[in-house]
Every structure is written in structure tokens, then in C-alpha cells.
Amino acid sequence: MNIKNLLTKYSILLLIYIGLIRFVKPYGLQLYYTLHSQPDMMPEDVRTIQSAFITITFLLNLILSIFIIVDSKQKRTIDWLIVIITLFSAETGIALFLIWQIYKELNKKYEAQQKI
């Protein structure tokens, strides 16, 4: 897969991730606070909602990690480190993966030029 396709694919995945996690979570909780009719029940419900968001975040990170595993052509140590980083922070993992792929592609081109 070339770099342009990787950038497009992971940019879209990152935008979806940011949209779901960074915008839906705070605005969903704010909407819940404003629409809830019984303030006494709120702490229990909020804990449940926060647990659901943590679970959804972990599942999305896991899915993004699987995408990175599939797109890694060579299963080197650095690729596995990037997968582990993606499990904890999707934005950082995707950025590192894209930088690493661009570096490998540019390194291949440089080595091919040096052989000529």
C-alpha cells in the first residue's frame, strides 16, 4: 500500500475516532445532564455511561491496532511497539505509524538511488 492510500485511510479513521471520542463523549454527557429529570439518580447513571465510554474507547483502540497490524508489511519490533502505543492512545499510535511508514518508504527510495 502506498503512502497516499495510508494517509487517506488513517486520516479518515482518525477523524472518525476523534469525532466519536472527543466530541460525542462530552456533549453526550452534557445533554444527559440537561435532560435528566431525577438528579438523585445521576451519579449511578454517570458511572455507567463513563464505563461504557471507556469500553468503547478501548474497543476503538483495539480496532485501530488491528488495522495497523494488517497494514504493517514487516512485523518488526517497532511495529509491535506502535501497536501497543495505539492500544493506549490512538492518536499517538496512528501518527507514529504513519511517520514510520513514510520513513521506510523514503529510505527504500534513497537506497534504490544509491545502488544506481
Protein backbone atom coordinates (compact mmCIF):
# COMPACT_ATOMS: atom_id res chain seq x y z
CA MET A 1 0.00 0.00 0.00
CA ASN A 2 1.47 3.35 -0.92
CA ILE A 3 1.81 6.30 1.38
CA LYS A 4 -1.04 8.31 -0.13
CA ASN A 5 -3.51 5.48 0.48
CA LEU A 6 -2.23 5.01 4.03
CA LEU A 7 -2.54 8.73 4.79
CA THR A 8 -6.08 8.82 3.41
CA LYS A 9 -7.18 5.66 5.24
CA TYR A 10 -5.75 6.63 8.62
CA SER A 11 -6.83 10.26 8.34
CA ILE A 12 -10.41 9.09 7.89
CA LEU A 13 -10.10 6.59 10.75
CA LEU A 14 -8.57 9.26 12.98
CA LEU A 15 -11.33 11.75 12.17
CA ILE A 16 -13.96 9.14 13.00
CA TYR A 17 -12.15 8.32 16.25
CA ILE A 18 -11.85 11.97 17.24
CA GLY A 19 -15.49 12.59 16.34
CA LEU A 20 -16.71 9.70 18.44
CA ILE A 21 -14.43 10.02 21.44
CA ARG A 22 -13.59 13.70 21.71
CA PHE A 23 -16.92 15.26 20.73
CA VAL A 24 -19.71 12.76 21.40
CA LYS A 25 -18.47 11.93 24.90
CA PRO A 26 -18.54 15.41 26.47
CA TYR A 27 -21.57 16.62 24.56
CA GLY A 28 -23.44 13.39 25.22
CA LEU A 29 -22.83 13.72 28.95
CA GLN A 30 -23.79 17.39 28.88
CA LEU A 31 -27.00 16.55 27.05
CA TYR A 32 -27.70 13.81 29.60
CA TYR A 33 -27.20 16.26 32.48
CA THR A 34 -29.61 18.78 30.98
CA LEU A 35 -32.32 16.23 30.13
CA HIS A 36 -32.20 14.09 33.26
CA SER A 37 -35.28 14.52 35.42
CA GLN A 38 -34.07 12.91 38.68
CA PRO A 39 -30.81 14.43 39.96
CA ASP A 40 -30.55 11.81 42.72
CA MET A 41 -30.02 9.00 40.19
CA MET A 42 -27.35 10.88 38.25
CA PRO A 43 -24.13 9.58 39.92
CA GLU A 44 -25.00 5.94 39.25
CA ASP A 45 -26.03 6.63 35.69
CA VAL A 46 -22.95 8.76 35.06
CA ARG A 47 -20.67 5.96 36.26
CA THR A 48 -22.45 3.57 33.92
CA ILE A 49 -22.12 5.97 31.00
CA GLN A 50 -18.44 6.59 31.77
CA SER A 51 -17.80 2.83 31.91
CA ALA A 52 -19.48 2.47 28.54
CA PHE A 53 -17.30 5.24 27.09
CA ILE A 54 -14.14 3.60 28.45
CA THR A 55 -15.18 0.29 26.91
CA ILE A 56 -15.98 1.94 23.56
CA THR A 57 -12.65 3.78 23.61
CA PHE A 58 -10.76 0.56 24.28
CA LEU A 59 -12.62 -1.28 21.51
CA LEU A 60 -11.91 1.51 19.03
CA ASN A 61 -8.23 1.48 20.02
CA LEU A 62 -8.20 -2.29 19.56
CA ILE A 63 -9.76 -2.00 16.10
CA LEU A 64 -7.22 0.65 15.09
CA SER A 65 -4.42 -1.58 16.41
CA ILE A 66 -5.70 -4.43 14.25
CA PHE A 67 -5.69 -2.13 11.21
CA ILE A 68 -2.07 -1.24 11.96
CA ILE A 69 -1.10 -4.91 12.33
CA VAL A 70 -2.70 -5.72 8.99
CA ASP A 71 -1.05 -2.78 7.22
CA SER A 72 2.41 -3.48 8.63
CA LYS A 73 4.23 -5.30 5.89
CA GLN A 74 7.21 -6.26 8.01
CA LYS A 75 6.44 -7.38 11.53
CA ARG A 76 9.38 -5.74 13.26
CA THR A 77 9.75 -4.77 16.88
CA ILE A 78 8.99 -1.11 16.15
CA ASP A 79 5.69 -2.07 14.52
CA TRP A 80 4.66 -4.00 17.63
CA LEU A 81 5.62 -1.07 19.83
CA ILE A 82 3.42 1.16 17.71
CA VAL A 83 0.55 -1.33 18.10
CA ILE A 84 0.94 -1.26 21.89
CA ILE A 85 1.05 2.55 21.87
CA THR A 86 -2.13 2.57 19.75
CA LEU A 87 -3.91 0.44 22.35
CA PHE A 88 -3.37 3.21 24.89
CA SER A 89 -3.51 6.31 22.68
CA ALA A 90 -4.93 6.01 19.19
CA GLU A 91 -3.85 9.46 18.01
CA THR A 92 -0.23 8.93 19.02
CA GLY A 93 -0.13 5.40 17.62
CA ILE A 94 -1.54 6.40 14.25
CA ALA A 95 0.82 9.38 13.99
CA LEU A 96 3.83 7.19 14.81
CA PHE A 97 2.69 4.50 12.39
CA LEU A 98 2.33 6.99 9.54
CA ILE A 99 5.69 8.60 10.29
CA TRP A 100 7.33 5.16 10.41
CA GLN A 101 5.77 4.10 7.11
CA ILE A 102 6.85 7.33 5.40
CA TYR A 103 10.37 6.88 6.78
CA LYS A 104 10.57 3.30 5.47
CA GLU A 105 9.30 4.37 2.04
CA LEU A 106 11.77 7.26 1.78
CA ASN A 107 14.59 5.00 2.99
CA LYS A 108 13.78 2.45 0.25
CA LYS A 109 13.84 5.17 -2.39
CA TYR A 110 17.16 6.51 -1.08
CA GLU A 111 18.74 3.05 -1.09
CA ALA A 112 17.48 2.43 -4.61
CA GLN A 113 19.09 5.69 -5.77
CA GLN A 114 22.39 4.78 -4.12
CA LYS A 115 22.53 1.46 -5.98
CA ILE A 116 22.36 3.19 -9.38
